[in-house]
Amino acid sequence: MARPQREVPPPLEGNDRFITAVITAGWAIALVVVVLVRHQLPDSGHLWIWTCVTGFGLGLFGLVYVPYLKRSRAKATARRASASAEAGD
């Protein structure tokens, strides 16, 4: 006998800005650590400095872009909802 299927729960909404800020802070800490130990790294290890700079820069970009993206998605959803409501009338 098959068990009855449960309803699929709604997706969890995370705090995108907090998550992005924590990851950006992690890249900043990694950058500080790598800069402090740069003299102990081999010549090919200096690439890690630029990796951390890139991660930090993309994190800062994400802190600016994520709220913009969420606002634009909310506006698009509202426009679609109003358009479908008008079409249904």
N, C-alpha and C. Protein backbone atom coordinates (compact mmCIF):
# COMPACT_ATOMS: atom_id res chain seq x y z
N MET A 1 0.84 -1.18 0.00
CA MET A 1 0.00 0.00 0.00
C MET A 1 0.89 1.25 0.00
N ALA A 2 0.64 2.14 -0.91
CA ALA A 2 1.46 3.35 -1.05
C ALA A 2 1.09 4.36 0.02
N ARG A 3 2.13 5.04 0.50
CA ARG A 3 1.89 6.08 1.50
C ARG A 3 1.37 7.34 0.79
N PRO A 4 0.51 8.09 1.47
CA PRO A 4 0.01 9.33 0.85
C PRO A 4 1.15 10.36 0.72
N GLN A 5 1.10 11.12 -0.36
CA GLN A 5 2.11 12.14 -0.62
C GLN A 5 1.85 13.36 0.26
N ARG A 6 2.91 13.93 0.81
CA ARG A 6 2.79 15.16 1.58
C ARG A 6 2.85 16.35 0.63
N GLU A 7 2.32 17.47 1.10
CA GLU A 7 2.44 18.70 0.32
C GLU A 7 3.89 19.17 0.35
N VAL A 8 4.30 19.75 -0.74
CA VAL A 8 5.65 20.29 -0.81
C VAL A 8 5.68 21.60 -0.02
N PRO A 9 6.62 21.74 0.93
CA PRO A 9 6.66 22.97 1.72
C PRO A 9 7.14 24.14 0.86
N PRO A 10 6.76 25.35 1.23
CA PRO A 10 7.24 26.51 0.46
C PRO A 10 8.75 26.66 0.65
N PRO A 11 9.43 27.25 -0.34
CA PRO A 11 10.88 27.42 -0.22
C PRO A 11 11.22 28.40 0.91
N LEU A 12 12.33 28.13 1.57
CA LEU A 12 12.78 29.03 2.63
C LEU A 12 13.42 30.27 2.01
N GLU A 13 13.15 31.38 2.58
CA GLU A 13 13.72 32.64 2.11
C GLU A 13 14.88 33.02 3.02
N GLY A 14 16.07 33.11 2.47
CA GLY A 14 17.24 33.49 3.24
C GLY A 14 17.46 34.98 3.21
N ASN A 15 18.25 35.47 4.14
CA ASN A 15 18.62 36.87 4.17
C ASN A 15 19.82 37.05 3.23
N ASP A 16 19.53 37.39 1.99
CA ASP A 16 20.56 37.43 0.95
C ASP A 16 21.67 38.43 1.26
N ARG A 17 21.29 39.56 1.81
CA ARG A 17 22.29 40.59 2.08
C ARG A 17 23.24 40.15 3.19
N PHE A 18 22.70 39.49 4.22
CA PHE A 18 23.54 39.01 5.32
C PHE A 18 24.50 37.93 4.82
N ILE A 19 23.99 37.02 4.03
CA ILE A 19 24.82 35.94 3.50
C ILE A 19 25.94 36.52 2.64
N THR A 20 25.61 37.47 1.79
CA THR A 20 26.61 38.09 0.93
C THR A 20 27.65 38.85 1.76
N ALA A 21 27.20 39.53 2.81
CA ALA A 21 28.12 40.28 3.67
C ALA A 21 29.07 39.34 4.42
N VAL A 22 28.58 38.20 4.88
CA VAL A 22 29.44 37.25 5.59
C VAL A 22 30.49 36.68 4.65
N ILE A 23 30.08 36.32 3.45
CA ILE A 23 31.04 35.77 2.49
C ILE A 23 32.07 36.83 2.09
N THR A 24 31.63 38.07 1.91
CA THR A 24 32.55 39.15 1.58
C THR A 24 33.54 39.38 2.71
N ALA A 25 33.06 39.33 3.94
CA ALA A 25 33.95 39.47 5.09
C ALA A 25 34.96 38.32 5.12
N GLY A 26 34.53 37.14 4.76
CA GLY A 26 35.46 36.01 4.69
C GLY A 26 36.57 36.24 3.68
N TRP A 27 36.22 36.78 2.52
CA TRP A 27 37.24 37.10 1.51
C TRP A 27 38.17 38.19 2.02
N ALA A 28 37.63 39.17 2.76
CA ALA A 28 38.47 40.25 3.30
C ALA A 28 39.46 39.68 4.33
N ILE A 29 38.99 38.77 5.18
CA ILE A 29 39.88 38.15 6.17
C ILE A 29 40.94 37.32 5.46
N ALA A 30 40.54 36.57 4.45
CA ALA A 30 41.50 35.77 3.69
C ALA A 30 42.54 36.67 3.03
N LEU A 31 42.11 37.82 2.51
CA LEU A 31 43.04 38.74 1.89
C LEU A 31 44.06 39.25 2.89
N VAL A 32 43.61 39.61 4.08
CA VAL A 32 44.53 40.10 5.11
C VAL A 32 45.54 39.01 5.48
N VAL A 33 45.05 37.79 5.66
CA VAL A 33 45.95 36.69 6.02
C VAL A 33 46.97 36.43 4.92
N VAL A 34 46.52 36.39 3.68
CA VAL A 34 47.44 36.12 2.58
C VAL A 34 48.45 37.24 2.42
N VAL A 35 48.04 38.49 2.63
CA VAL A 35 48.98 39.60 2.53
C VAL A 35 50.01 39.52 3.65
N LEU A 36 49.58 39.10 4.84
CA LEU A 36 50.53 38.99 5.95
C LEU A 36 51.56 37.88 5.74
N VAL A 37 51.18 36.81 5.07
CA VAL A 37 52.12 35.70 4.86
C VAL A 37 52.66 35.65 3.43
N ARG A 38 52.56 36.75 2.70
CA ARG A 38 52.97 36.73 1.29
C ARG A 38 54.46 36.46 1.11
N HIS A 39 55.27 36.79 2.10
CA HIS A 39 56.70 36.56 1.96
C HIS A 39 57.04 35.08 2.12
N GLN A 40 56.14 34.32 2.71
CA GLN A 40 56.37 32.89 2.89
C GLN A 40 55.79 32.07 1.74
N LEU A 41 55.06 32.71 0.85
CA LEU A 41 54.46 32.01 -0.29
C LEU A 41 55.48 31.87 -1.41
N PRO A 42 55.40 30.79 -2.17
CA PRO A 42 56.25 30.71 -3.37
C PRO A 42 55.77 31.73 -4.40
N ASP A 43 56.56 31.94 -5.41
CA ASP A 43 56.20 32.94 -6.43
C ASP A 43 54.83 32.68 -7.04
N SER A 44 54.50 31.42 -7.25
CA SER A 44 53.18 31.11 -7.82
C SER A 44 52.07 31.32 -6.80
N GLY A 45 52.40 31.45 -5.53
CA GLY A 45 51.39 31.64 -4.48
C GLY A 45 50.84 33.05 -4.42
N HIS A 46 51.49 33.99 -5.09
CA HIS A 46 51.00 35.37 -5.08
C HIS A 46 49.69 35.52 -5.86
N LEU A 47 49.34 34.51 -6.61
CA LEU A 47 48.05 34.51 -7.29
C LEU A 47 46.90 34.52 -6.28
N TRP A 48 47.15 33.97 -5.08
CA TRP A 48 46.10 33.94 -4.07
C TRP A 48 45.68 35.33 -3.63
N ILE A 49 46.61 36.27 -3.66
CA ILE A 49 46.26 37.65 -3.30
C ILE A 49 45.19 38.18 -4.25
N TRP A 50 45.41 37.96 -5.55
CA TRP A 50 44.45 38.45 -6.54
C TRP A 50 43.14 37.67 -6.48
N THR A 51 43.21 36.42 -6.08
CA THR A 51 41.99 35.64 -5.91
C THR A 51 41.14 36.24 -4.80
N CYS A 52 41.78 36.59 -3.69
CA CYS A 52 41.05 37.20 -2.57
C CYS A 52 40.53 38.59 -2.93
N VAL A 53 41.32 39.36 -3.66
CA VAL A 53 40.86 40.69 -4.09
C VAL A 53 39.64 40.56 -4.99
N THR A 54 39.67 39.59 -5.91
CA THR A 54 38.54 39.37 -6.80
C THR A 54 37.31 38.93 -6.03
N GLY A 55 37.47 38.00 -5.09
CA GLY A 55 36.35 37.55 -4.27
C GLY A 55 35.75 38.69 -3.46
N PHE A 56 36.60 39.51 -2.88
CA PHE A 56 36.13 40.66 -2.11
C PHE A 56 35.40 41.66 -3.01
N GLY A 57 35.97 41.93 -4.18
CA GLY A 57 35.33 42.88 -5.10
C GLY A 57 33.98 42.38 -5.59
N LEU A 58 33.89 41.09 -5.93
CA LEU A 58 32.61 40.53 -6.35
C LEU A 58 31.60 40.52 -5.22
N GLY A 59 32.08 40.34 -4.00
CA GLY A 59 31.19 40.40 -2.84
C GLY A 59 30.62 41.80 -2.65
N LEU A 60 31.45 42.81 -2.83
CA LEU A 60 30.95 44.20 -2.73
C LEU A 60 29.94 44.47 -3.84
N PHE A 61 30.22 43.99 -5.03
CA PHE A 61 29.26 44.13 -6.13
C PHE A 61 27.94 43.44 -5.77
N GLY A 62 28.04 42.25 -5.18
CA GLY A 62 26.84 41.52 -4.79
C GLY A 62 26.03 42.26 -3.74
N LEU A 63 26.70 42.94 -2.82
CA LEU A 63 25.99 43.71 -1.80
C LEU A 63 25.16 44.83 -2.41
N VAL A 64 25.62 45.37 -3.52
CA VAL A 64 24.88 46.43 -4.21
C VAL A 64 23.82 45.84 -5.13
N TYR A 65 24.16 44.75 -5.82
CA TYR A 65 23.29 44.22 -6.87
C TYR A 65 22.13 43.39 -6.35
N VAL A 66 22.33 42.62 -5.29
CA VAL A 66 21.28 41.72 -4.80
C VAL A 66 20.00 42.48 -4.42
N PRO A 67 20.07 43.58 -3.66
CA PRO A 67 18.82 44.31 -3.38
C PRO A 67 18.16 44.86 -4.64
N TYR A 68 18.95 45.34 -5.59
CA TYR A 68 18.40 45.82 -6.85
C TYR A 68 17.67 44.70 -7.58
N LEU A 69 18.29 43.52 -7.62
CA LEU A 69 17.70 42.37 -8.29
C LEU A 69 16.38 41.97 -7.62
N LYS A 70 16.36 41.95 -6.29
CA LYS A 70 15.14 41.57 -5.59
C LYS A 70 14.02 42.58 -5.84
N ARG A 71 14.36 43.88 -5.85
CA ARG A 71 13.34 44.90 -6.12
C ARG A 71 12.79 44.76 -7.53
N SER A 72 13.67 44.53 -8.50
CA SER A 72 13.20 44.42 -9.88
C SER A 72 12.35 43.17 -10.07
N ARG A 73 12.69 42.07 -9.39
CA ARG A 73 11.86 40.87 -9.48
C ARG A 73 10.51 41.08 -8.83
N ALA A 74 10.46 41.80 -7.71
CA ALA A 74 9.20 42.08 -7.04
C ALA A 74 8.31 42.97 -7.92
N LYS A 75 8.91 43.97 -8.58
CA LYS A 75 8.15 44.83 -9.48
C LYS A 75 7.60 44.04 -10.65
N ALA A 76 8.41 43.15 -11.21
CA ALA A 76 7.96 42.34 -12.34
C ALA A 76 6.82 41.43 -11.93
N THR A 77 6.90 40.85 -10.75
CA THR A 77 5.83 39.99 -10.24
C THR A 77 4.56 40.80 -10.04
N ALA A 78 4.69 42.00 -9.49
CA ALA A 78 3.51 42.86 -9.29
C ALA A 78 2.89 43.25 -10.63
N ARG A 79 3.73 43.56 -11.63
CA ARG A 79 3.21 43.91 -12.95
C ARG A 79 2.47 42.74 -13.57
N ARG A 80 3.05 41.53 -13.44
CA ARG A 80 2.37 40.35 -13.99
C ARG A 80 1.06 40.08 -13.28
N ALA A 81 1.04 40.27 -11.96
CA ALA A 81 -0.18 40.02 -11.20
C ALA A 81 -1.27 41.03 -11.59
N SER A 82 -0.89 42.29 -11.75
CA SER A 82 -1.90 43.29 -12.13
C SER A 82 -2.36 43.08 -13.56
N ALA A 83 -1.45 42.67 -14.44
CA ALA A 83 -1.84 42.41 -15.82
C ALA A 83 -2.80 41.22 -15.92
N SER A 84 -2.53 40.19 -15.14
CA SER A 84 -3.43 39.02 -15.18
C SER A 84 -4.76 39.34 -14.51
N ALA A 85 -4.76 40.23 -13.51
CA ALA A 85 -6.01 40.62 -12.87
C ALA A 85 -6.86 41.46 -13.84
N GLU A 86 -6.21 42.33 -14.60
CA GLU A 86 -6.93 43.14 -15.57
C GLU A 86 -7.47 42.28 -16.71
N ALA A 87 -6.68 41.29 -17.10
CA ALA A 87 -7.10 40.41 -18.19
C ALA A 87 -8.27 39.53 -17.75
N GLY A 88 -8.30 39.20 -16.46
CA GLY A 88 -9.37 38.36 -15.95
C GLY A 88 -10.68 39.11 -15.78
N ASP A 89 -10.62 40.41 -15.69
CA ASP A 89 -11.86 41.22 -15.50
C ASP A 89 -12.64 41.38 -16.75
